[in-house]
């Protein structure tokens, strides 16, 4: 059963008969797992079911995921045709996904690319490995806080590997603030947010662009946005 409070707080950025674009809250699962905890896929299903008074099961297609501690923009499909077309865009790297992150340290260059081979291990961690898959991201340093030695970085993924952003920065001694898995035992909230998403509408073929700001709490308050 979906929590009514969670559903009422759902931030819907756009919806029509084919897609629904929402903000995933921090620390909410993208889809259900063995924990049985509340997940965004079921929240969206219940939202559509109640808003449009749909009997029986509601189809909502999961197109992409965000890690549990990461908040930000996600698009779901409202039909199997839309899901198929959006998944094709994903596979062909036609989605534009941009993130904001606060990192520990200051980059040598204000912009550039990080390229590594990443391998997902059986324990759920991802490591840099010669046996891994090529993983590429582009970055742009937006602001630097010299008092805290933190940097606000915009990141665009060219590939979508498991924990890619977190591992690529951590492997260079620039772990994300709040990263309890790859960082320095930092127990605060992970400072990573999926702030921009662009894709082609699966039916109208219109370019859809969505952008939101991270919640101004924690590390985000060190910077102006």
N, C-alpha and C. Protein backbone atom coordinates (compact mmCIF):
# COMPACT_ATOMS: atom_id res chain seq x y z
N UNK A 1 0.85 -1.20 0.00
CA UNK A 1 0.00 0.00 0.00
C UNK A 1 0.88 1.25 0.00
N UNK A 2 0.60 2.17 -0.89
CA UNK A 2 1.39 3.40 -1.00
C UNK A 2 0.96 4.40 0.07
N UNK A 3 1.92 5.00 0.72
CA UNK A 3 1.68 6.02 1.74
C UNK A 3 1.02 7.24 1.08
N UNK A 4 -0.15 7.61 1.57
CA UNK A 4 -0.87 8.75 0.99
C UNK A 4 -0.11 10.05 1.09
N UNK A 5 0.64 10.22 2.20
CA UNK A 5 1.44 11.44 2.37
C UNK A 5 2.52 11.53 1.31
N UNK A 6 3.17 10.39 1.03
CA UNK A 6 4.23 10.37 0.03
C UNK A 6 3.66 10.72 -1.35
N UNK A 7 2.46 10.20 -1.64
CA UNK A 7 1.86 10.47 -2.94
C UNK A 7 1.45 11.93 -3.07
N UNK A 8 0.95 12.51 -1.97
CA UNK A 8 0.50 13.90 -2.01
C UNK A 8 1.66 14.87 -2.21
N UNK A 9 2.85 14.44 -1.81
CA UNK A 9 4.03 15.29 -1.94
C UNK A 9 4.74 15.10 -3.28
N UNK A 10 4.22 14.22 -4.13
CA UNK A 10 4.86 13.94 -5.41
C UNK A 10 4.91 15.22 -6.25
N UNK A 11 6.10 15.59 -6.67
CA UNK A 11 6.29 16.78 -7.50
C UNK A 11 6.25 16.37 -8.97
N UNK A 12 5.11 16.59 -9.61
CA UNK A 12 4.94 16.22 -11.02
C UNK A 12 5.33 17.42 -11.88
N UNK A 13 6.34 17.23 -12.71
CA UNK A 13 6.83 18.31 -13.56
C UNK A 13 6.09 18.37 -14.89
N UNK A 14 5.60 17.22 -15.35
CA UNK A 14 4.87 17.16 -16.62
C UNK A 14 4.16 15.82 -16.71
N UNK A 15 2.98 15.82 -17.31
CA UNK A 15 2.30 14.55 -17.58
C UNK A 15 1.36 14.70 -18.76
N UNK A 16 1.26 13.62 -19.54
CA UNK A 16 0.25 13.50 -20.59
C UNK A 16 -0.10 12.02 -20.69
N UNK A 17 -0.73 11.61 -21.78
CA UNK A 17 -1.16 10.22 -21.91
C UNK A 17 0.00 9.25 -22.16
N UNK A 18 1.19 9.79 -22.42
CA UNK A 18 2.31 8.94 -22.84
C UNK A 18 3.47 8.91 -21.85
N UNK A 19 3.72 10.03 -21.16
CA UNK A 19 4.83 10.09 -20.21
C UNK A 19 4.42 10.87 -18.97
N UNK A 20 5.16 10.63 -17.89
CA UNK A 20 5.02 11.44 -16.69
C UNK A 20 6.43 11.70 -16.15
N UNK A 21 6.72 12.97 -15.90
CA UNK A 21 8.04 13.39 -15.43
C UNK A 21 7.87 13.89 -14.00
N UNK A 22 8.65 13.33 -13.08
CA UNK A 22 8.51 13.67 -11.66
C UNK A 22 9.88 13.88 -11.03
N UNK A 23 9.85 14.47 -9.83
CA UNK A 23 11.07 14.59 -9.03
C UNK A 23 11.14 13.41 -8.06
N UNK A 24 12.23 12.65 -8.14
CA UNK A 24 12.43 11.57 -7.17
C UNK A 24 12.95 12.16 -5.87
N UNK A 25 12.25 11.94 -4.77
CA UNK A 25 12.76 12.45 -3.49
C UNK A 25 14.04 11.72 -3.09
N UNK A 26 14.89 12.41 -2.35
CA UNK A 26 16.10 11.81 -1.81
C UNK A 26 15.74 10.64 -0.90
N UNK A 27 16.51 9.55 -1.02
CA UNK A 27 16.38 8.35 -0.18
C UNK A 27 15.11 7.55 -0.43
N UNK A 28 14.46 7.77 -1.57
CA UNK A 28 13.35 6.92 -2.01
C UNK A 28 13.84 6.05 -3.15
N UNK A 29 13.51 4.76 -3.11
CA UNK A 29 13.91 3.84 -4.17
C UNK A 29 13.26 4.23 -5.50
N UNK A 30 13.97 3.99 -6.60
CA UNK A 30 13.37 4.18 -7.92
C UNK A 30 12.32 3.11 -8.17
N UNK A 31 12.63 1.87 -7.82
CA UNK A 31 11.68 0.77 -7.91
C UNK A 31 11.89 -0.14 -6.70
N UNK A 32 10.92 -1.00 -6.44
CA UNK A 32 10.98 -1.84 -5.25
C UNK A 32 12.15 -2.80 -5.23
N UNK A 33 12.60 -3.14 -4.04
CA UNK A 33 13.66 -4.14 -3.89
C UNK A 33 13.35 -5.02 -2.69
N UNK A 34 14.33 -5.78 -2.24
CA UNK A 34 14.11 -6.76 -1.18
C UNK A 34 13.78 -6.12 0.17
N UNK A 35 14.06 -4.82 0.31
CA UNK A 35 13.75 -4.15 1.58
C UNK A 35 12.25 -3.98 1.80
N UNK A 36 11.51 -3.95 0.71
CA UNK A 36 10.08 -3.71 0.81
C UNK A 36 9.74 -2.26 1.09
N UNK A 37 10.73 -1.37 1.02
CA UNK A 37 10.50 0.04 1.30
C UNK A 37 9.72 0.71 0.16
N UNK A 38 9.12 1.84 0.48
CA UNK A 38 8.36 2.61 -0.49
C UNK A 38 9.23 2.97 -1.70
N UNK A 39 8.67 2.87 -2.90
CA UNK A 39 9.44 3.19 -4.10
C UNK A 39 8.65 4.11 -5.02
N UNK A 40 9.39 4.84 -5.84
CA UNK A 40 8.77 5.87 -6.68
C UNK A 40 7.88 5.28 -7.76
N UNK A 41 8.25 4.14 -8.32
CA UNK A 41 7.43 3.51 -9.36
C UNK A 41 6.01 3.26 -8.85
N UNK A 42 5.89 2.72 -7.65
CA UNK A 42 4.56 2.46 -7.09
C UNK A 42 3.84 3.73 -6.68
N UNK A 43 4.60 4.75 -6.24
CA UNK A 43 3.98 6.03 -5.91
C UNK A 43 3.35 6.64 -7.16
N UNK A 44 4.07 6.58 -8.29
CA UNK A 44 3.56 7.13 -9.55
C UNK A 44 2.34 6.33 -10.02
N UNK A 45 2.40 5.01 -9.92
CA UNK A 45 1.26 4.17 -10.32
C UNK A 45 0.01 4.55 -9.53
N UNK A 46 0.16 4.71 -8.22
CA UNK A 46 -0.99 5.05 -7.38
C UNK A 46 -1.51 6.44 -7.69
N UNK A 47 -0.59 7.37 -7.98
CA UNK A 47 -0.97 8.74 -8.33
C UNK A 47 -1.85 8.73 -9.59
N UNK A 48 -1.41 8.02 -10.63
CA UNK A 48 -2.16 7.95 -11.89
C UNK A 48 -3.50 7.23 -11.67
N UNK A 49 -3.48 6.15 -10.93
CA UNK A 49 -4.69 5.37 -10.66
C UNK A 49 -5.77 6.22 -10.01
N UNK A 50 -5.35 7.01 -9.00
CA UNK A 50 -6.34 7.80 -8.27
C UNK A 50 -6.75 9.06 -9.03
N UNK A 51 -5.81 9.71 -9.68
CA UNK A 51 -6.14 10.95 -10.38
C UNK A 51 -7.10 10.71 -11.54
N UNK A 52 -6.88 9.60 -12.26
CA UNK A 52 -7.69 9.34 -13.45
C UNK A 52 -8.73 8.25 -13.22
N UNK A 53 -8.91 7.84 -11.95
CA UNK A 53 -9.94 6.87 -11.56
C UNK A 53 -9.86 5.60 -12.42
N UNK A 54 -8.65 5.06 -12.50
CA UNK A 54 -8.44 3.87 -13.33
C UNK A 54 -8.66 2.60 -12.50
N UNK A 55 -9.52 1.71 -12.98
CA UNK A 55 -9.72 0.43 -12.27
C UNK A 55 -8.57 -0.53 -12.58
N UNK A 56 -8.35 -1.48 -11.70
CA UNK A 56 -7.34 -2.51 -11.97
C UNK A 56 -5.92 -1.95 -11.95
N UNK A 57 -5.03 -2.71 -12.57
CA UNK A 57 -3.62 -2.33 -12.60
C UNK A 57 -3.38 -1.18 -13.56
N UNK A 58 -2.43 -0.33 -13.20
CA UNK A 58 -2.03 0.81 -14.04
C UNK A 58 -0.65 0.52 -14.61
N UNK A 59 -0.49 0.74 -15.91
CA UNK A 59 0.83 0.54 -16.52
C UNK A 59 1.68 1.79 -16.35
N UNK A 60 2.84 1.62 -15.72
CA UNK A 60 3.86 2.66 -15.66
C UNK A 60 5.19 1.97 -15.97
N UNK A 61 5.86 2.42 -17.01
CA UNK A 61 7.11 1.80 -17.42
C UNK A 61 8.32 2.51 -16.85
N UNK A 62 9.20 1.74 -16.19
CA UNK A 62 10.44 2.29 -15.65
C UNK A 62 11.44 2.42 -16.80
N UNK A 63 11.91 3.63 -17.06
CA UNK A 63 12.80 3.90 -18.19
C UNK A 63 14.26 3.98 -17.74
N UNK A 64 14.49 4.57 -16.58
CA UNK A 64 15.84 4.69 -16.03
C UNK A 64 15.74 4.75 -14.52
N UNK A 65 16.88 4.72 -13.84
CA UNK A 65 16.90 4.69 -12.39
C UNK A 65 17.84 5.76 -11.84
N UNK A 66 17.61 6.12 -10.59
CA UNK A 66 18.56 6.89 -9.81
C UNK A 66 18.84 6.10 -8.54
N UNK A 67 20.10 6.13 -8.09
CA UNK A 67 20.44 5.47 -6.83
C UNK A 67 19.57 6.01 -5.71
N UNK A 68 19.33 5.19 -4.71
CA UNK A 68 18.44 5.56 -3.60
C UNK A 68 18.78 6.92 -2.97
N UNK A 69 20.06 7.22 -2.65
CA UNK A 69 20.34 8.51 -2.00
C UNK A 69 20.31 9.71 -2.92
N UNK A 70 20.10 9.49 -4.22
CA UNK A 70 20.14 10.57 -5.21
C UNK A 70 18.73 11.05 -5.52
N UNK A 71 18.49 12.35 -5.37
CA UNK A 71 17.21 12.93 -5.79
C UNK A 71 17.32 13.50 -7.18
N UNK A 72 16.18 13.86 -7.77
CA UNK A 72 16.22 14.51 -9.07
C UNK A 72 15.14 14.05 -10.02
N UNK A 73 15.33 14.38 -11.29
CA UNK A 73 14.29 14.21 -12.31
C UNK A 73 14.31 12.80 -12.91
N UNK A 74 13.12 12.21 -13.00
CA UNK A 74 12.95 10.92 -13.67
C UNK A 74 11.73 10.99 -14.57
N UNK A 75 11.80 10.27 -15.69
CA UNK A 75 10.65 10.14 -16.58
C UNK A 75 10.18 8.69 -16.56
N UNK A 76 8.87 8.51 -16.50
CA UNK A 76 8.25 7.19 -16.59
C UNK A 76 7.34 7.16 -17.81
N UNK A 77 7.19 5.99 -18.40
CA UNK A 77 6.30 5.82 -19.55
C UNK A 77 4.91 5.42 -19.09
N UNK A 78 3.90 5.95 -19.79
CA UNK A 78 2.52 5.60 -19.44
C UNK A 78 1.91 4.60 -20.41
N UNK A 79 2.70 4.13 -21.37
CA UNK A 79 2.24 3.09 -22.29
C UNK A 79 3.44 2.25 -22.70
N UNK A 80 3.19 1.03 -23.15
CA UNK A 80 4.29 0.16 -23.57
C UNK A 80 4.98 0.72 -24.81
N UNK A 81 4.22 1.38 -25.69
CA UNK A 81 4.82 1.99 -26.88
C UNK A 81 5.79 3.10 -26.48
N UNK A 82 5.37 3.95 -25.55
CA UNK A 82 6.24 5.02 -25.07
C UNK A 82 7.47 4.45 -24.39
N UNK A 83 7.28 3.39 -23.60
CA UNK A 83 8.42 2.77 -22.90
C UNK A 83 9.43 2.24 -23.90
N UNK A 84 8.95 1.58 -24.94
CA UNK A 84 9.85 1.03 -25.96
C UNK A 84 10.66 2.12 -26.64
N UNK A 85 10.01 3.21 -26.98
CA UNK A 85 10.69 4.30 -27.69
C UNK A 85 11.66 5.05 -26.77
N UNK A 86 11.28 5.22 -25.53
CA UNK A 86 12.18 5.89 -24.58
C UNK A 86 13.39 5.01 -24.26
N UNK A 87 13.16 3.70 -24.14
CA UNK A 87 14.27 2.79 -23.89
C UNK A 87 15.25 2.78 -25.07
N UNK A 88 14.72 2.90 -26.28
CA UNK A 88 15.59 2.97 -27.46
C UNK A 88 16.46 4.22 -27.41
N UNK A 89 15.86 5.35 -27.01
CA UNK A 89 16.64 6.58 -26.87
C UNK A 89 17.75 6.40 -25.82
N UNK A 90 17.41 5.71 -24.74
CA UNK A 90 18.40 5.45 -23.71
C UNK A 90 19.58 4.65 -24.26
N UNK A 91 19.26 3.57 -24.96
CA UNK A 91 20.29 2.69 -25.50
C UNK A 91 21.17 3.40 -26.51
N UNK A 92 20.58 4.34 -27.23
CA UNK A 92 21.33 5.07 -28.26
C UNK A 92 21.92 6.38 -27.71
N UNK A 93 21.91 6.51 -26.37
CA UNK A 93 22.53 7.66 -25.69
C UNK A 93 21.94 9.00 -26.14
N UNK A 94 20.62 9.02 -26.37
CA UNK A 94 19.97 10.25 -26.81
C UNK A 94 19.33 11.02 -25.65
N UNK A 95 19.33 10.41 -24.47
CA UNK A 95 18.90 11.15 -23.28
C UNK A 95 20.03 12.10 -22.88
N UNK A 96 19.68 13.30 -22.47
CA UNK A 96 20.67 14.20 -21.89
C UNK A 96 20.43 14.23 -20.38
N UNK A 97 21.41 13.73 -19.62
CA UNK A 97 21.29 13.67 -18.17
C UNK A 97 22.39 14.51 -17.56
N UNK A 98 22.01 15.50 -16.78
CA UNK A 98 23.00 16.33 -16.10
C UNK A 98 22.75 16.32 -14.60
N UNK A 99 23.85 16.28 -13.88
CA UNK A 99 23.81 16.20 -12.42
C UNK A 99 24.58 17.37 -11.82
N UNK A 100 24.24 17.69 -10.58
CA UNK A 100 25.05 18.58 -9.76
C UNK A 100 25.62 17.75 -8.63
N UNK A 101 26.89 18.01 -8.30
CA UNK A 101 27.53 17.31 -7.19
C UNK A 101 28.42 18.28 -6.42
N UNK A 102 28.53 18.06 -5.13
CA UNK A 102 29.52 18.77 -4.32
C UNK A 102 30.62 17.78 -4.01
N UNK A 103 31.85 18.11 -4.39
CA UNK A 103 32.96 17.18 -4.21
C UNK A 103 33.96 17.71 -3.18
N UNK A 104 34.68 16.78 -2.57
CA UNK A 104 35.74 17.12 -1.64
C UNK A 104 37.00 17.44 -2.43
N UNK A 105 37.39 18.71 -2.46
CA UNK A 105 38.60 19.09 -3.17
C UNK A 105 38.33 20.03 -4.32
N UNK A 106 39.41 20.38 -5.02
CA UNK A 106 39.34 21.29 -6.15
C UNK A 106 39.98 20.64 -7.36
N UNK A 107 39.29 20.63 -8.48
CA UNK A 107 39.79 20.00 -9.70
C UNK A 107 40.98 20.77 -10.26
N UNK A 108 41.89 20.05 -10.91
CA UNK A 108 43.04 20.69 -11.58
C UNK A 108 42.58 21.53 -12.76
N UNK A 109 41.54 21.02 -13.47
CA UNK A 109 40.99 21.72 -14.64
C UNK A 109 39.54 22.06 -14.38
N UNK A 110 39.10 23.20 -14.89
CA UNK A 110 37.72 23.63 -14.67
C UNK A 110 36.71 22.81 -15.45
N UNK A 111 37.14 22.16 -16.52
CA UNK A 111 36.24 21.29 -17.28
C UNK A 111 37.05 20.21 -17.96
N UNK A 112 36.38 19.16 -18.36
CA UNK A 112 37.07 18.07 -19.03
C UNK A 112 36.24 16.80 -19.03
N UNK A 113 36.91 15.69 -19.32
CA UNK A 113 36.26 14.37 -19.34
C UNK A 113 36.99 13.44 -18.39
N UNK A 114 36.24 12.57 -17.75
CA UNK A 114 36.81 11.47 -16.98
C UNK A 114 36.49 10.18 -17.71
N UNK A 115 37.51 9.38 -17.98
CA UNK A 115 37.34 8.13 -18.72
C UNK A 115 38.00 7.00 -17.92
N UNK A 116 37.23 5.98 -17.59
CA UNK A 116 37.73 4.83 -16.84
C UNK A 116 37.05 3.57 -17.34
N UNK A 117 37.58 2.43 -16.93
CA UNK A 117 36.89 1.16 -17.10
C UNK A 117 36.38 0.74 -15.73
N UNK A 118 35.06 0.60 -15.62
CA UNK A 118 34.44 0.30 -14.34
C UNK A 118 33.81 -1.09 -14.35
N UNK A 119 33.98 -1.77 -13.23
CA UNK A 119 33.44 -3.12 -13.08
C UNK A 119 32.58 -3.19 -11.82
N UNK A 120 31.36 -3.71 -11.95
CA UNK A 120 30.49 -3.90 -10.80
C UNK A 120 30.81 -5.24 -10.16
N UNK A 121 31.09 -5.23 -8.87
CA UNK A 121 31.47 -6.44 -8.15
C UNK A 121 30.24 -7.12 -7.54
N UNK A 122 30.44 -8.34 -7.09
CA UNK A 122 29.33 -9.12 -6.53
C UNK A 122 28.79 -8.54 -5.23
N UNK A 123 29.62 -7.73 -4.55
CA UNK A 123 29.16 -7.12 -3.29
C UNK A 123 28.39 -5.82 -3.50
N UNK A 124 28.17 -5.44 -4.78
CA UNK A 124 27.40 -4.24 -5.08
C UNK A 124 28.24 -3.00 -5.28
N UNK A 125 29.54 -3.10 -4.97
CA UNK A 125 30.42 -1.95 -5.19
C UNK A 125 30.92 -1.95 -6.63
N UNK A 126 31.32 -0.78 -7.10
CA UNK A 126 31.90 -0.64 -8.43
C UNK A 126 33.35 -0.20 -8.25
N UNK A 127 34.24 -0.78 -9.06
CA UNK A 127 35.66 -0.47 -8.96
C UNK A 127 36.22 -0.12 -10.34
N UNK A 128 37.34 0.59 -10.35
CA UNK A 128 38.08 0.82 -11.59
C UNK A 128 38.87 -0.45 -11.88
N UNK A 129 38.68 -1.01 -13.06
CA UNK A 129 39.30 -2.30 -13.38
C UNK A 129 39.54 -2.42 -14.88
N UNK A 130 40.64 -3.04 -15.26
CA UNK A 130 40.92 -3.26 -16.68
C UNK A 130 39.87 -4.15 -17.31
N UNK A 131 39.18 -4.95 -16.49
CA UNK A 131 38.15 -5.85 -17.01
C UNK A 131 36.79 -5.16 -17.14
N UNK A 132 36.72 -3.90 -16.72
CA UNK A 132 35.45 -3.19 -16.70
C UNK A 132 35.03 -2.63 -18.05
N UNK A 133 33.87 -1.98 -18.05
CA UNK A 133 33.32 -1.35 -19.26
C UNK A 133 33.73 0.12 -19.30
N UNK A 134 33.98 0.62 -20.50
CA UNK A 134 34.38 2.01 -20.63
C UNK A 134 33.28 2.93 -20.08
N UNK A 135 33.70 3.88 -19.28
CA UNK A 135 32.77 4.79 -18.61
C UNK A 135 33.27 6.21 -18.79
N UNK A 136 32.38 7.08 -19.31
CA UNK A 136 32.79 8.44 -19.66
C UNK A 136 31.79 9.44 -19.09
N UNK A 137 32.34 10.49 -18.49
CA UNK A 137 31.50 11.62 -18.11
C UNK A 137 32.24 12.92 -18.42
N UNK A 138 31.46 13.98 -18.63
CA UNK A 138 32.01 15.32 -18.81
C UNK A 138 31.68 16.13 -17.55
N UNK A 139 32.59 17.02 -17.18
CA UNK A 139 32.35 17.83 -15.99
C UNK A 139 32.70 19.28 -16.24
N UNK A 140 32.05 20.15 -15.47
CA UNK A 140 32.32 21.59 -15.49
C UNK A 140 32.26 22.08 -14.05
N UNK A 141 33.35 22.66 -13.56
CA UNK A 141 33.34 23.23 -12.21
C UNK A 141 32.58 24.55 -12.26
N UNK A 142 31.53 24.66 -11.46
CA UNK A 142 30.69 25.86 -11.45
C UNK A 142 31.11 26.86 -10.38
N UNK A 143 31.44 26.36 -9.20
CA UNK A 143 31.85 27.22 -8.09
C UNK A 143 32.82 26.46 -7.20
N UNK A 144 33.67 27.22 -6.49
CA UNK A 144 34.61 26.65 -5.53
C UNK A 144 34.46 27.37 -4.20
N UNK A 145 34.42 26.61 -3.11
CA UNK A 145 34.38 27.18 -1.77
C UNK A 145 35.73 26.89 -1.11
N UNK A 146 36.60 27.85 -1.11
CA UNK A 146 37.96 27.63 -0.59
C UNK A 146 37.97 27.43 0.92
N UNK A 147 36.97 27.96 1.62
CA UNK A 147 36.91 27.79 3.07
C UNK A 147 36.70 26.32 3.45
N UNK A 148 35.85 25.64 2.71
CA UNK A 148 35.54 24.24 3.01
C UNK A 148 36.32 23.27 2.13
N UNK A 149 37.00 23.80 1.10
CA UNK A 149 37.70 22.97 0.11
C UNK A 149 36.73 22.07 -0.64
N UNK A 150 35.55 22.62 -0.94
CA UNK A 150 34.52 21.89 -1.70
C UNK A 150 34.29 22.59 -3.04
N UNK A 151 33.88 21.81 -4.03
CA UNK A 151 33.57 22.35 -5.35
C UNK A 151 32.18 21.90 -5.79
N UNK A 152 31.45 22.82 -6.43
CA UNK A 152 30.17 22.49 -7.05
C UNK A 152 30.44 22.18 -8.52
N UNK A 153 30.07 20.98 -8.93
CA UNK A 153 30.41 20.50 -10.27
C UNK A 153 29.15 20.07 -11.02
N UNK A 154 29.06 20.47 -12.29
CA UNK A 154 28.02 19.96 -13.18
C UNK A 154 28.59 18.78 -13.94
N UNK A 155 27.81 17.71 -14.02
CA UNK A 155 28.28 16.47 -14.64
C UNK A 155 27.28 16.01 -15.69
N UNK A 156 27.79 15.62 -16.84
CA UNK A 156 26.95 15.03 -17.89
C UNK A 156 27.46 13.64 -18.20
N UNK A 157 26.60 12.65 -18.07
CA UNK A 157 27.00 11.28 -18.34
C UNK A 157 26.94 10.96 -19.82
N UNK A 158 28.01 10.35 -20.32
CA UNK A 158 27.99 9.80 -21.68
C UNK A 158 27.67 8.31 -21.63
N UNK A 159 27.97 7.66 -20.50
CA UNK A 159 27.59 6.27 -20.26
C UNK A 159 26.87 6.24 -18.92
N UNK A 160 26.18 5.15 -18.65
CA UNK A 160 25.40 5.08 -17.41
C UNK A 160 25.74 3.85 -16.60
N UNK A 161 26.94 3.80 -16.05
CA UNK A 161 27.37 2.64 -15.25
C UNK A 161 26.91 2.78 -13.79
N UNK A 162 26.90 1.65 -13.11
CA UNK A 162 26.51 1.59 -11.71
C UNK A 162 27.46 2.44 -10.86
N UNK A 163 26.91 3.41 -10.13
CA UNK A 163 27.70 4.29 -9.25
C UNK A 163 28.81 5.04 -9.99
N UNK A 164 28.61 5.27 -11.29
CA UNK A 164 29.69 5.81 -12.13
C UNK A 164 30.26 7.13 -11.61
N UNK A 165 29.40 8.11 -11.35
CA UNK A 165 29.88 9.43 -10.93
C UNK A 165 30.66 9.31 -9.63
N UNK A 166 30.11 8.59 -8.68
CA UNK A 166 30.73 8.47 -7.37
C UNK A 166 32.10 7.82 -7.45
N UNK A 167 32.21 6.77 -8.25
CA UNK A 167 33.48 6.03 -8.34
C UNK A 167 34.53 6.81 -9.13
N UNK A 168 34.12 7.44 -10.23
CA UNK A 168 35.10 8.15 -11.04
C UNK A 168 35.74 9.31 -10.28
N UNK A 169 34.95 10.03 -9.51
CA UNK A 169 35.52 11.13 -8.73
C UNK A 169 36.31 10.60 -7.53
N UNK A 170 35.78 9.61 -6.83
CA UNK A 170 36.47 9.07 -5.65
C UNK A 170 37.82 8.47 -6.02
N UNK A 171 37.90 7.83 -7.20
CA UNK A 171 39.16 7.20 -7.61
C UNK A 171 40.26 8.23 -7.85
N UNK A 172 39.90 9.50 -7.93
CA UNK A 172 40.86 10.58 -8.13
C UNK A 172 41.08 11.38 -6.85
N UNK A 173 40.62 10.82 -5.74
CA UNK A 173 40.77 11.52 -4.47
C UNK A 173 39.84 12.69 -4.30
N UNK A 174 38.72 12.68 -5.04
CA UNK A 174 37.75 13.79 -5.03
C UNK A 174 36.35 13.24 -4.76
N UNK A 175 36.22 12.49 -3.69
CA UNK A 175 34.94 11.84 -3.41
C UNK A 175 33.82 12.85 -3.25
N UNK A 176 32.60 12.42 -3.56
CA UNK A 176 31.43 13.28 -3.37
C UNK A 176 31.18 13.46 -1.88
N UNK A 177 30.81 14.67 -1.49
CA UNK A 177 30.47 14.93 -0.10
C UNK A 177 29.26 14.07 0.29
N UNK A 178 29.35 13.47 1.46
CA UNK A 178 28.25 12.63 1.93
C UNK A 178 28.24 11.23 1.36
N UNK A 179 29.29 10.83 0.62
CA UNK A 179 29.32 9.48 0.04
C UNK A 179 29.82 8.49 1.08
N UNK A 180 28.91 7.73 1.66
CA UNK A 180 29.25 6.80 2.73
C UNK A 180 29.91 5.53 2.20
N UNK A 181 29.78 5.27 0.92
CA UNK A 181 30.35 4.04 0.35
C UNK A 181 31.75 4.26 -0.23
N UNK A 182 31.93 5.34 -0.95
CA UNK A 182 33.21 5.57 -1.63
C UNK A 182 33.99 6.76 -1.05
N UNK A 183 33.42 7.41 -0.04
CA UNK A 183 34.05 8.59 0.53
C UNK A 183 34.79 8.31 1.81
N UNK A 184 34.88 9.34 2.66
CA UNK A 184 35.68 9.25 3.88
C UNK A 184 34.80 9.10 5.12
N UNK A 185 33.96 8.07 5.12
CA UNK A 185 33.09 7.78 6.26
C UNK A 185 32.23 8.99 6.63
N UNK A 186 31.83 9.71 5.64
CA UNK A 186 30.97 10.89 5.81
C UNK A 186 29.53 10.41 5.97
N UNK A 187 28.94 10.65 7.11
CA UNK A 187 27.61 10.13 7.42
C UNK A 187 26.48 11.09 7.05
N UNK A 188 26.80 12.19 6.36
CA UNK A 188 25.77 13.13 5.96
C UNK A 188 25.15 12.71 4.61
N UNK A 189 24.18 13.48 4.14
CA UNK A 189 23.46 13.13 2.92
C UNK A 189 24.35 13.30 1.67
N UNK A 190 24.31 12.33 0.79
CA UNK A 190 25.08 12.38 -0.45
C UNK A 190 24.71 13.61 -1.27
N UNK A 191 25.72 14.39 -1.66
CA UNK A 191 25.48 15.63 -2.41
C UNK A 191 25.56 15.37 -3.91
N UNK A 192 24.55 14.67 -4.41
CA UNK A 192 24.43 14.36 -5.85
C UNK A 192 22.97 14.48 -6.22
N UNK A 193 22.69 15.23 -7.30
CA UNK A 193 21.30 15.53 -7.66
C UNK A 193 21.16 15.56 -9.18
N UNK A 194 20.18 14.83 -9.69
CA UNK A 194 19.91 14.79 -11.13
C UNK A 194 19.04 16.00 -11.49
N UNK A 195 19.68 17.10 -11.86
CA UNK A 195 18.96 18.37 -11.95
C UNK A 195 18.41 18.67 -13.34
N UNK A 196 18.88 17.97 -14.37
CA UNK A 196 18.40 18.27 -15.73
C UNK A 196 18.23 16.97 -16.52
N UNK A 197 17.11 16.90 -17.25
CA UNK A 197 16.83 15.74 -18.10
C UNK A 197 16.20 16.23 -19.40
N UNK A 198 16.72 15.75 -20.52
CA UNK A 198 16.16 16.11 -21.82
C UNK A 198 16.01 14.84 -22.66
N UNK A 199 14.90 14.74 -23.38
CA UNK A 199 14.65 13.60 -24.25
C UNK A 199 13.64 14.01 -25.31
N UNK A 200 13.45 13.19 -26.31
CA UNK A 200 12.47 13.45 -27.35
C UNK A 200 11.17 12.75 -26.97
N UNK A 201 10.08 13.49 -26.99
CA UNK A 201 8.78 12.89 -26.65
C UNK A 201 8.52 11.70 -27.56
N UNK A 202 8.13 10.55 -26.99
CA UNK A 202 8.00 9.32 -27.80
C UNK A 202 6.89 9.35 -28.84
N UNK A 203 5.96 10.28 -28.74
CA UNK A 203 4.85 10.34 -29.71
C UNK A 203 4.89 11.64 -30.52
N UNK A 204 4.98 12.77 -29.85
CA UNK A 204 4.95 14.06 -30.57
C UNK A 204 6.29 14.40 -31.22
N UNK A 205 7.37 13.75 -30.76
CA UNK A 205 8.75 13.99 -31.25
C UNK A 205 9.28 15.36 -30.84
N UNK A 206 8.59 16.01 -29.91
CA UNK A 206 9.05 17.31 -29.41
C UNK A 206 10.22 17.10 -28.44
N UNK A 207 11.19 18.02 -28.48
CA UNK A 207 12.29 17.97 -27.51
C UNK A 207 11.77 18.45 -26.16
N UNK A 208 11.90 17.60 -25.14
CA UNK A 208 11.41 17.91 -23.80
C UNK A 208 12.62 18.16 -22.90
N UNK A 209 12.63 19.30 -22.23
CA UNK A 209 13.75 19.66 -21.35
C UNK A 209 13.20 20.06 -19.98
N UNK A 210 13.75 19.44 -18.93
CA UNK A 210 13.30 19.72 -17.56
C UNK A 210 14.52 20.02 -16.69
N UNK A 211 14.35 20.98 -15.79
CA UNK A 211 15.45 21.37 -14.92
C UNK A 211 14.90 21.86 -13.59
N UNK A 212 15.48 21.38 -12.49
CA UNK A 212 15.09 21.81 -11.15
C UNK A 212 16.35 21.97 -10.30
N UNK A 213 16.20 22.68 -9.18
CA UNK A 213 17.33 22.90 -8.27
C UNK A 213 17.30 21.86 -7.15
N UNK A 214 18.47 21.50 -6.62
CA UNK A 214 18.48 20.61 -5.45
C UNK A 214 17.92 21.32 -4.23
N UNK A 215 17.43 20.58 -3.25
CA UNK A 215 16.94 21.21 -2.02
C UNK A 215 18.08 21.93 -1.31
N UNK A 216 17.84 23.14 -0.85
CA UNK A 216 18.91 23.94 -0.25
C UNK A 216 19.12 23.55 1.22
N UNK A 217 19.71 22.37 1.38
CA UNK A 217 20.07 21.86 2.70
C UNK A 217 21.47 21.26 2.60
N UNK A 218 22.10 21.05 3.72
CA UNK A 218 23.39 20.39 3.74
C UNK A 218 24.44 21.12 2.93
N UNK A 219 25.20 20.35 2.17
CA UNK A 219 26.32 20.89 1.40
C UNK A 219 25.88 21.90 0.33
N UNK A 220 24.65 21.77 -0.15
CA UNK A 220 24.18 22.68 -1.21
C UNK A 220 24.15 24.13 -0.75
N UNK A 221 24.01 24.34 0.54
CA UNK A 221 23.91 25.71 1.05
C UNK A 221 25.24 26.46 0.97
N UNK A 222 26.31 25.76 0.67
CA UNK A 222 27.62 26.42 0.53
C UNK A 222 27.74 27.23 -0.77
N UNK A 223 26.77 27.02 -1.68
CA UNK A 223 26.88 27.61 -3.01
C UNK A 223 25.60 28.38 -3.38
N UNK A 224 25.73 29.34 -4.26
CA UNK A 224 24.56 30.08 -4.77
C UNK A 224 24.05 29.40 -6.02
N UNK A 225 22.72 29.25 -6.12
CA UNK A 225 22.13 28.57 -7.29
C UNK A 225 20.91 29.33 -7.78
